[in-house]
Amino acid sequence: MKKKSSAALWLSLPALLLLLLPFLTLIGITQWQHFQLAWGDSHAIATSLGLGGIALLLIIASGLPLAWWLSQSSGKIRVIVEVLVLIPMLTPPLALGILLVSAWGPYSPAGELLQRVGVTLVNNPASFVMAQWYGALPWFVISARSAFATVPTPILEAGMMLGASSWQRFWRLAIPVAAPGLAAATVLAWVRAMGEFGIVMIFSYFPQGIPVQLYNNLQNDGVDAVYVLMWLLLLFTLPLPLACFLLTRNAFRRAL
């Protein structure tokens, strides 16, 4: 067994090197003696964290029911809905930004209706949240659906026989059992929302979050101006995935 593990490790080295080399390079080329924010970086960080948090709550609130329904349903309707969820994942983000402008912009039917009540969804905080919400929601739904699919059917049937309502079975049985997978879905949604560039660039250039600010720094001041913000993006993006990983790992160990 140890020989097989050793062989697998050696075979894994090309993939590990491919993944790690850019970040090892980042450590070496960062000018640590001049580690300071560029103009606009602090505002971009606040924008991404604040509005990204709102988008994440909306993603979870809207994505959980859909993921649960997909995991429990069957038939043609389920297939159609799943395809509709997959389409945004398969569409380039830049194209999705154009589609959002076409659907929600001021000259679209939906945009004109919103303008009548004094609401616009272009280049403002609401459009920024919408862009992150739309970009990350399909990833959350597909991952959460897979998590719910791991819930054993006998557990849900036992809850139904004991008189638990559909809401109680969902909240008290399905959620706890699927919690590790749901944590992974939440992490994926957070990372996608924080790193969303293409949709945000087209649909909500203002206010500028971290990805757009990185692009502006690169265009205006060159590659040396982006390293500090790249480190801060990692600093603010990684804690949630690491926390979820540790929590789910500890929960798995306790279960054993």
Protein backbone atom coordinates (compact mmCIF):
# COMPACT_ATOMS: atom_id res chain seq x y z
CA MET A 1 0.00 0.00 0.00
CA LYS A 2 2.84 2.41 0.88
CA LYS A 3 4.55 1.73 -2.47
CA LYS A 4 1.30 2.53 -4.31
CA SER A 5 0.90 5.75 -2.34
CA SER A 6 4.49 6.74 -3.08
CA ALA A 7 4.01 6.08 -6.80
CA ALA A 8 0.79 8.10 -6.81
CA LEU A 9 2.59 10.98 -5.09
CA TRP A 10 5.33 11.05 -7.72
CA LEU A 11 2.75 10.96 -10.49
CA SER A 12 0.96 13.85 -8.80
CA LEU A 13 4.01 16.11 -8.86
CA PRO A 14 3.38 17.59 -12.35
CA ALA A 15 -0.14 18.67 -11.34
CA LEU A 16 1.09 20.07 -8.01
CA LEU A 17 3.91 21.95 -9.72
CA LEU A 18 1.52 23.37 -12.30
CA LEU A 19 -0.79 24.61 -9.53
CA LEU A 20 1.87 25.96 -7.16
CA LEU A 21 4.45 27.51 -9.48
CA PRO A 22 2.55 30.80 -10.10
CA PHE A 23 2.10 31.37 -6.36
CA LEU A 24 5.69 30.48 -5.58
CA THR A 25 6.65 32.99 -8.28
CA LEU A 26 4.40 35.59 -6.65
CA ILE A 27 6.33 35.20 -3.39
CA GLY A 28 9.61 35.79 -5.18
CA ILE A 29 8.63 38.77 -7.34
CA THR A 30 6.67 40.73 -4.74
CA GLN A 31 8.58 43.83 -3.70
CA TRP A 32 8.11 43.40 0.03
CA GLN A 33 10.03 46.58 0.85
CA HIS A 34 7.42 48.58 -1.07
CA PHE A 35 4.37 46.63 0.09
CA GLN A 36 1.67 49.30 0.07
CA LEU A 37 -1.76 49.85 -1.41
CA ALA A 38 -2.20 51.73 -4.65
CA TRP A 39 -4.78 54.46 -5.07
CA GLY A 40 -8.29 52.98 -4.95
CA ASP A 41 -7.24 49.58 -3.57
CA SER A 42 -8.82 50.08 -0.14
CA HIS A 43 -12.15 51.09 -1.68
CA ALA A 44 -12.03 48.05 -3.97
CA ILE A 45 -11.43 45.76 -0.99
CA ALA A 46 -14.34 47.26 0.95
CA THR A 47 -16.58 46.97 -2.13
CA SER A 48 -15.76 43.32 -2.76
CA LEU A 49 -16.08 42.25 0.87
CA GLY A 50 -19.20 44.24 1.71
CA LEU A 51 -21.22 43.68 -1.43
CA GLY A 52 -19.81 40.17 -1.84
CA GLY A 53 -21.18 39.26 1.58
CA ILE A 54 -24.63 40.47 0.56
CA ALA A 55 -24.39 38.50 -2.70
CA LEU A 56 -23.39 35.35 -0.79
CA LEU A 57 -26.46 35.59 1.45
CA LEU A 58 -28.68 35.98 -1.61
CA ILE A 59 -26.98 33.04 -3.30
CA ILE A 60 -27.58 30.77 -0.32
CA ALA A 61 -31.17 31.93 0.23
CA SER A 62 -32.15 31.49 -3.41
CA GLY A 63 -29.94 28.51 -4.23
CA LEU A 64 -30.79 26.14 -1.37
CA PRO A 65 -34.46 25.58 -2.33
CA LEU A 66 -33.53 25.01 -5.97
CA ALA A 67 -30.70 22.62 -5.08
CA TRP A 68 -32.98 20.68 -2.73
CA TRP A 69 -35.71 20.42 -5.37
CA LEU A 70 -33.25 19.21 -7.99
CA SER A 71 -31.93 16.53 -5.61
CA GLN A 72 -35.42 15.22 -4.81
CA SER A 73 -37.15 15.50 -8.18
CA SER A 74 -37.10 13.41 -11.31
CA GLY A 75 -38.54 13.49 -14.79
CA LYS A 76 -38.35 15.84 -17.75
CA ILE A 77 -38.99 19.02 -15.76
CA ARG A 78 -35.99 18.33 -13.56
CA VAL A 79 -33.78 17.75 -16.62
CA ILE A 80 -34.96 21.01 -18.18
CA VAL A 81 -34.34 22.98 -14.99
CA GLU A 82 -30.89 21.44 -14.58
CA VAL A 83 -29.98 22.40 -18.14
CA LEU A 84 -31.17 25.95 -17.45
CA VAL A 85 -28.87 26.07 -14.42
CA LEU A 86 -25.94 24.70 -16.41
CA ILE A 87 -26.25 27.15 -19.30
CA PRO A 88 -24.82 30.15 -17.35
CA MET A 89 -21.92 27.96 -16.19
CA LEU A 90 -21.06 27.12 -19.78
CA THR A 91 -21.39 30.70 -21.06
CA PRO A 92 -18.28 32.95 -20.97
CA PRO A 93 -18.57 35.58 -18.20
CA LEU A 94 -18.04 38.43 -20.66
CA ALA A 95 -21.05 37.22 -22.66
CA LEU A 96 -23.07 36.90 -19.46
CA GLY A 97 -22.30 40.54 -18.65
CA ILE A 98 -23.63 41.59 -22.05
CA LEU A 99 -26.74 39.48 -21.52
CA LEU A 100 -27.36 41.03 -18.11
CA VAL A 101 -27.14 44.52 -19.60
CA SER A 102 -29.56 43.45 -22.32
CA ALA A 103 -31.97 41.98 -19.74
CA TRP A 104 -31.73 44.53 -16.92
CA GLY A 105 -30.21 47.63 -18.53
CA PRO A 106 -32.10 50.93 -18.69
CA TYR A 107 -33.30 50.28 -22.26
CA SER A 108 -34.65 46.78 -21.61
CA PRO A 109 -38.31 46.12 -20.72
CA ALA A 110 -37.34 45.03 -17.21
CA GLY A 111 -35.05 48.03 -16.83
CA GLU A 112 -37.78 50.44 -17.90
CA LEU A 113 -40.14 48.96 -15.32
CA LEU A 114 -37.49 49.36 -12.62
CA GLN A 115 -36.85 52.96 -13.64
CA ARG A 116 -40.50 53.75 -13.04
CA VAL A 117 -39.97 53.01 -9.35
CA GLY A 118 -36.61 54.79 -9.29
CA VAL A 119 -34.36 51.72 -9.48
CA THR A 120 -31.52 51.10 -11.94
CA LEU A 121 -29.26 48.08 -12.24
CA VAL A 122 -26.21 49.42 -14.07
CA ASN A 123 -22.98 50.74 -12.51
CA ASN A 124 -24.20 50.91 -8.91
CA PRO A 125 -23.98 48.72 -5.79
CA ALA A 126 -27.21 46.90 -6.68
CA SER A 127 -25.85 45.92 -10.09
CA PHE A 128 -22.56 44.81 -8.50
CA VAL A 129 -24.45 42.47 -6.17
CA MET A 130 -26.56 41.24 -9.08
CA ALA A 131 -23.45 40.45 -11.12
CA GLN A 132 -21.89 38.45 -8.31
CA TRP A 133 -25.18 36.75 -7.50
CA TYR A 134 -25.76 35.69 -11.08
CA GLY A 135 -22.18 34.59 -11.66
CA ALA A 136 -21.88 32.38 -8.57
CA LEU A 137 -25.44 31.05 -8.16
CA PRO A 138 -25.21 28.17 -10.69
CA TRP A 139 -22.00 26.90 -9.11
CA PHE A 140 -23.62 26.91 -5.69
CA VAL A 141 -26.78 25.16 -6.91
CA ILE A 142 -24.95 22.34 -8.70
CA SER A 143 -22.61 21.74 -5.76
CA ALA A 144 -25.40 21.95 -3.17
CA ARG A 145 -27.56 19.59 -5.22
CA SER A 146 -24.76 17.03 -5.12
CA ALA A 147 -24.52 17.51 -1.35
CA PHE A 148 -28.26 16.92 -0.89
CA ALA A 149 -28.05 13.83 -3.11
CA THR A 150 -25.85 12.19 -0.45
CA VAL A 151 -28.65 12.30 2.13
CA PRO A 152 -29.88 8.68 2.52
CA THR A 153 -33.49 8.25 1.47
CA PRO A 154 -34.31 6.01 4.49
CA ILE A 155 -33.50 8.90 6.83
CA LEU A 156 -35.99 11.16 5.10
CA GLU A 157 -38.59 8.36 4.95
CA ALA A 158 -38.14 7.69 8.66
CA GLY A 159 -38.69 11.37 9.39
CA MET A 160 -41.88 11.35 7.32
CA MET A 161 -43.16 8.25 9.14
CA LEU A 162 -42.53 10.00 12.46
CA GLY A 163 -44.70 12.91 11.38
CA ALA A 164 -42.03 15.43 10.39
CA SER A 165 -43.19 18.01 7.90
CA SER A 166 -41.34 18.59 4.63
CA TRP A 167 -39.74 21.70 6.16
CA GLN A 168 -38.65 19.77 9.26
CA ARG A 169 -37.17 16.98 7.15
CA PHE A 170 -35.28 19.56 5.12
CA TRP A 171 -34.02 21.63 8.04
CA ARG A 172 -33.44 18.96 10.71
CA LEU A 173 -32.41 15.96 8.61
CA ALA A 174 -31.17 16.99 5.17
CA ILE A 175 -29.21 20.10 6.17
CA PRO A 176 -27.16 18.43 8.97
CA VAL A 177 -26.33 15.36 6.86
CA ALA A 178 -25.40 17.43 3.80
CA ALA A 179 -23.55 20.09 5.84
CA PRO A 180 -20.00 19.26 4.61
CA GLY A 181 -21.09 19.41 0.98
CA LEU A 182 -23.10 22.57 1.59
CA ALA A 183 -20.04 24.15 3.19
CA ALA A 184 -18.07 23.32 0.05
CA ALA A 185 -20.85 24.85 -2.09
CA THR A 186 -20.75 28.01 0.02
CA VAL A 187 -16.99 28.24 -0.35
CA LEU A 188 -17.24 27.80 -4.11
CA ALA A 189 -19.89 30.51 -4.32
CA TRP A 190 -17.79 32.89 -2.22
CA VAL A 191 -14.68 32.38 -4.31
CA ARG A 192 -16.64 32.76 -7.54
CA ALA A 193 -18.33 35.93 -6.31
CA MET A 194 -15.13 37.53 -5.05
CA GLY A 195 -13.23 36.71 -8.23
CA GLU A 196 -15.97 37.57 -10.72
CA PHE A 197 -14.54 39.85 -13.40
CA GLY A 198 -16.21 39.43 -16.78
CA ILE A 199 -19.81 39.98 -15.68
CA VAL A 200 -18.87 42.80 -13.31
CA MET A 201 -16.70 44.51 -15.91
CA ILE A 202 -19.63 44.82 -18.33
CA PHE A 203 -22.64 45.08 -16.05
CA SER A 204 -21.24 47.02 -13.08
CA TYR A 205 -17.91 48.70 -13.76
CA PHE A 206 -18.69 51.02 -10.85
CA PRO A 207 -18.26 50.55 -7.94
CA GLN A 208 -14.99 48.80 -8.65
CA GLY A 209 -14.20 45.63 -6.73
CA ILE A 210 -10.88 43.86 -6.41
CA PRO A 211 -10.83 42.09 -9.83
CA VAL A 212 -11.62 45.27 -11.78
CA GLN A 213 -9.16 47.25 -9.66
CA LEU A 214 -6.48 44.66 -10.47
CA TYR A 215 -7.18 45.18 -14.15
CA ASN A 216 -7.01 48.97 -13.79
CA ASN A 217 -3.74 48.80 -11.86
CA LEU A 218 -2.28 46.55 -14.53
CA GLN A 219 -3.40 48.87 -17.33
CA ASN A 220 -2.33 52.10 -15.64
CA ASP A 221 0.84 51.21 -13.74
CA GLY A 222 2.05 47.86 -15.01
CA VAL A 223 2.32 44.42 -13.53
CA ASP A 224 4.32 45.54 -10.46
CA ALA A 225 1.30 47.52 -9.24
CA VAL A 226 -0.96 44.47 -8.87
CA TYR A 227 0.96 42.22 -6.49
CA VAL A 228 -0.12 43.87 -3.25
CA LEU A 229 -3.79 43.70 -4.19
CA MET A 230 -3.33 40.09 -5.30
CA TRP A 231 -2.01 39.20 -1.85
CA LEU A 232 -4.93 40.96 -0.21
CA LEU A 233 -7.38 39.16 -2.48
CA LEU A 234 -5.92 35.87 -1.29
CA LEU A 235 -5.96 37.08 2.32
CA PHE A 236 -9.65 37.93 2.23
CA THR A 237 -10.74 35.02 0.05
CA LEU A 238 -8.94 32.08 1.67
CA PRO A 239 -10.12 32.26 5.34
CA LEU A 240 -13.66 31.07 4.57
CA PRO A 241 -12.53 28.03 2.52
CA LEU A 242 -9.94 27.11 5.13
CA ALA A 243 -12.45 27.45 7.98
CA CYS A 244 -15.02 25.31 6.16
CA PHE A 245 -12.35 22.71 5.37
CA LEU A 246 -11.26 22.47 9.01
CA LEU A 247 -14.83 22.34 10.33
CA THR A 248 -15.92 19.63 7.92
CA ARG A 249 -12.73 17.67 8.54
CA ASN A 250 -13.28 17.78 12.31
CA ALA A 251 -16.93 16.81 11.87
CA PHE A 252 -15.90 13.84 9.74
CA ARG A 253 -13.37 12.71 12.36
CA ARG A 254 -15.99 12.93 15.12
CA ALA A 255 -18.39 10.89 12.98
CA LEU A 256 -15.74 8.16 12.70
